[in-house]
Amino acid sequence: MPNFIDIFRQRGQISFTGMRSVAMSKLPTDKMKLDKLYNDLKRGTGILDDDDHLNMYLRSFGKMHKAKLDIAFNCIHNPSELFGSPVEVYDWGCGQGTATVCLLDFLKSKKIVADIRSINLIEPIMDEYRANYYIISGHTQKHFEGSSRIWYERLKIIALPRDLVTWESD
């Protein structure tokens, strides 16, 4: 069975919409399994430690997450000027890379050729951030090709050891 990244690349819809579509196609169809996955998410605060939970998060909370980000990005005064200057993107707790993918979608929708020097994905869960590399490198290569930058060399993935991450609220 093809994995998330293979399907994502094969479909060629390198965007938040494409990412969410693949996630939804990978979910089980059984209603009881879906209900259990949803309940495991704990309203978006649960630990997403396998593909089904990652996919269910995008199905259940992805549109809301994107809407919040779109509102924030649209509040940026003169984004062409801001992103025309050299910037580094830091996506803390990046999960599936949703915020970074939404930022790249926003820039594309505004026809902004950003001077992004690096994208730094910071996530404590190994499988998630390994997937991010392929999602975001595919996005940047597809939408920013022709630039002198070699995007996959500018992508940094930073793993936080699990013992340094506090999962419980204080």
Protein backbone atom coordinates (compact mmCIF):
# COMPACT_ATOMS: atom_id res chain seq x y z
CA MET A 1 0.00 0.00 0.00
CA PRO A 2 1.49 3.39 -0.97
CA ASN A 3 2.39 5.68 1.92
CA PHE A 4 1.29 9.26 2.49
CA ILE A 5 4.31 10.85 0.80
CA ASP A 6 4.11 8.60 -2.28
CA ILE A 7 0.42 9.44 -2.79
CA PHE A 8 1.03 13.15 -2.09
CA ARG A 9 3.76 13.35 -4.71
CA GLN A 10 1.88 11.18 -7.21
CA ARG A 11 -1.20 13.41 -7.08
CA GLY A 12 0.96 16.49 -7.59
CA GLN A 13 -1.36 18.76 -5.60
CA ILE A 14 1.41 20.18 -3.43
CA SER A 15 -0.60 22.40 -1.08
CA PHE A 16 -2.59 22.27 2.14
CA THR A 17 -5.62 21.07 0.18
CA GLY A 18 -3.59 18.28 -1.38
CA MET A 19 -2.07 17.35 1.97
CA ARG A 20 -5.50 17.12 3.64
CA SER A 21 -6.97 15.20 0.72
CA VAL A 22 -4.29 12.53 0.96
CA ALA A 23 -4.70 12.34 4.74
CA MET A 24 -8.43 11.77 4.38
CA SER A 25 -7.92 9.08 1.74
CA LYS A 26 -5.63 7.16 4.10
CA LEU A 27 -8.15 6.95 6.96
CA PRO A 28 -10.12 3.79 7.69
CA THR A 29 -13.73 3.83 6.51
CA ASP A 30 -15.21 2.06 9.53
CA LYS A 31 -17.23 4.58 11.61
CA MET A 32 -16.24 3.01 14.95
CA LYS A 33 -12.54 3.26 14.09
CA LEU A 34 -12.98 6.86 12.98
CA ASP A 35 -14.84 7.72 16.21
CA LYS A 36 -12.05 6.18 18.28
CA LEU A 37 -9.39 8.08 16.33
CA TYR A 38 -11.32 11.32 16.81
CA ASN A 39 -11.72 10.73 20.55
CA ASP A 40 -8.00 9.93 20.85
CA LEU A 41 -7.24 13.41 19.50
CA LYS A 42 -8.60 14.94 22.73
CA ARG A 43 -9.90 18.00 20.87
CA GLY A 44 -6.55 18.49 19.19
CA THR A 45 -4.36 18.21 22.29
CA GLY A 46 -3.61 14.48 22.10
CA ILE A 47 -0.23 13.13 21.02
CA LEU A 48 -0.24 12.20 17.34
CA ASP A 49 2.09 9.23 17.24
CA ASP A 50 0.95 7.23 14.21
CA ASP A 51 -0.27 7.81 10.67
CA ASP A 52 -3.96 7.31 11.44
CA HIS A 53 -3.92 9.94 14.20
CA LEU A 54 -1.96 12.38 12.03
CA ASN A 55 -4.45 11.90 9.20
CA MET A 56 -7.44 12.20 11.53
CA TYR A 57 -6.03 15.46 12.92
CA LEU A 58 -5.91 16.93 9.41
CA ARG A 59 -9.43 15.69 8.71
CA SER A 60 -10.89 16.98 11.98
CA PHE A 61 -8.92 20.17 12.66
CA GLY A 62 -7.05 20.94 9.44
CA LYS A 63 -9.51 23.45 8.00
CA MET A 64 -9.75 25.31 11.32
CA HIS A 65 -5.95 25.39 11.61
CA LYS A 66 -5.62 26.71 8.06
CA ALA A 67 -8.31 29.36 8.66
CA LYS A 68 -6.45 30.66 11.74
CA LEU A 69 -3.22 30.84 9.77
CA ASP A 70 -4.85 32.54 6.79
CA ILE A 71 -6.28 35.22 9.08
CA ALA A 72 -2.85 35.77 10.63
CA PHE A 73 -1.04 35.86 7.28
CA ASN A 74 -3.57 38.31 5.85
CA CYS A 75 -2.84 40.67 8.77
CA ILE A 76 0.76 41.05 7.61
CA HIS A 77 1.21 44.61 6.40
CA ASN A 78 2.92 44.57 3.00
CA PRO A 79 3.91 40.89 2.80
CA SER A 80 5.79 41.46 -0.47
CA GLU A 81 8.20 43.76 1.33
CA LEU A 82 8.53 41.52 4.38
CA PHE A 83 9.18 38.36 2.42
CA GLY A 84 11.29 40.18 -0.16
CA SER A 85 13.90 40.63 2.55
CA PRO A 86 15.85 37.56 3.70
CA VAL A 87 13.83 35.59 6.28
CA GLU A 88 14.13 32.30 8.11
CA VAL A 89 10.99 30.35 8.95
CA TYR A 90 10.82 28.55 12.31
CA ASP A 91 7.89 26.19 12.70
CA TRP A 92 7.90 25.13 16.38
CA GLY A 93 5.90 22.00 17.09
CA CYS A 94 5.51 21.68 13.34
CA GLY A 95 3.64 18.37 13.43
CA GLN A 96 2.83 17.63 9.82
CA GLY A 97 4.20 20.96 8.63
CA THR A 98 0.72 22.43 8.20
CA ALA A 99 1.70 25.99 9.18
CA THR A 100 4.67 26.02 6.84
CA VAL A 101 2.66 24.57 3.95
CA CYS A 102 -0.07 27.18 4.59
CA LEU A 103 2.56 29.95 4.60
CA LEU A 104 3.93 28.73 1.27
CA ASP A 105 0.36 28.53 -0.10
CA PHE A 106 -0.24 32.12 1.07
CA LEU A 107 2.91 33.37 -0.62
CA LYS A 108 1.99 31.57 -3.83
CA SER A 109 -1.56 33.00 -3.76
CA LYS A 110 -0.13 36.52 -3.44
CA LYS A 111 2.43 35.80 -6.19
CA ILE A 112 5.23 36.63 -3.76
CA VAL A 113 8.66 35.23 -4.55
CA ALA A 114 9.96 35.00 -1.01
CA ASP A 115 13.60 35.30 -0.01
CA ILE A 116 13.36 32.44 2.48
CA ARG A 117 16.86 31.52 3.57
CA SER A 118 15.81 28.46 5.52
CA ILE A 119 12.80 26.61 6.84
CA ASN A 120 13.38 25.15 10.29
CA LEU A 121 10.94 22.43 11.34
CA ILE A 122 11.09 21.68 15.04
CA GLU A 123 9.19 18.64 16.25
CA PRO A 124 9.73 16.00 18.94
CA ILE A 125 8.06 13.12 17.08
CA MET A 126 10.36 11.51 14.52
CA ASP A 127 7.87 10.17 11.97
CA GLU A 128 6.07 13.50 11.69
CA TYR A 129 9.09 15.61 10.94
CA ARG A 130 10.55 13.06 8.55
CA ALA A 131 7.30 13.35 6.56
CA ASN A 132 7.56 17.15 6.69
CA TYR A 133 10.84 17.08 4.82
CA TYR A 134 9.20 15.53 1.80
CA ILE A 135 6.02 17.58 1.95
CA ILE A 136 7.77 20.92 2.29
CA SER A 137 10.68 20.19 -0.01
CA GLY A 138 8.19 19.09 -2.68
CA HIS A 139 6.17 22.27 -2.15
CA THR A 140 9.15 24.59 -2.35
CA GLN A 141 10.70 22.83 -5.31
CA LYS A 142 7.41 22.90 -7.22
CA HIS A 143 6.46 26.51 -6.47
CA PHE A 144 9.84 28.19 -6.26
CA GLU A 145 11.78 26.35 -8.93
CA GLY A 146 13.89 28.58 -11.12
CA SER A 147 15.22 30.28 -8.02
CA SER A 148 18.95 30.01 -7.46
CA ARG A 149 18.23 28.38 -4.11
CA ILE A 150 18.40 24.65 -3.66
CA TRP A 151 15.52 24.32 -1.22
CA TYR A 152 16.13 20.90 0.18
CA GLU A 153 19.58 22.03 1.32
CA ARG A 154 18.02 24.97 3.17
CA LEU A 155 15.47 22.87 5.03
CA LYS A 156 16.54 22.08 8.56
CA ILE A 157 14.79 19.50 10.65
CA ILE A 158 15.44 19.79 14.36
CA ALA A 159 14.50 16.90 16.61
CA LEU A 160 13.72 17.61 20.23
CA PRO A 161 14.49 14.65 22.49
CA ARG A 162 11.24 13.40 24.01
CA ASP A 163 12.61 13.69 27.55
CA LEU A 164 12.98 17.46 27.09
CA VAL A 165 9.38 17.89 26.03
CA THR A 166 6.72 18.34 28.70
CA TRP A 167 3.47 16.83 27.46
CA GLU A 168 1.38 17.59 30.54
CA SER A 169 0.23 21.12 31.28
CA ASP A 170 1.65 22.60 34.47
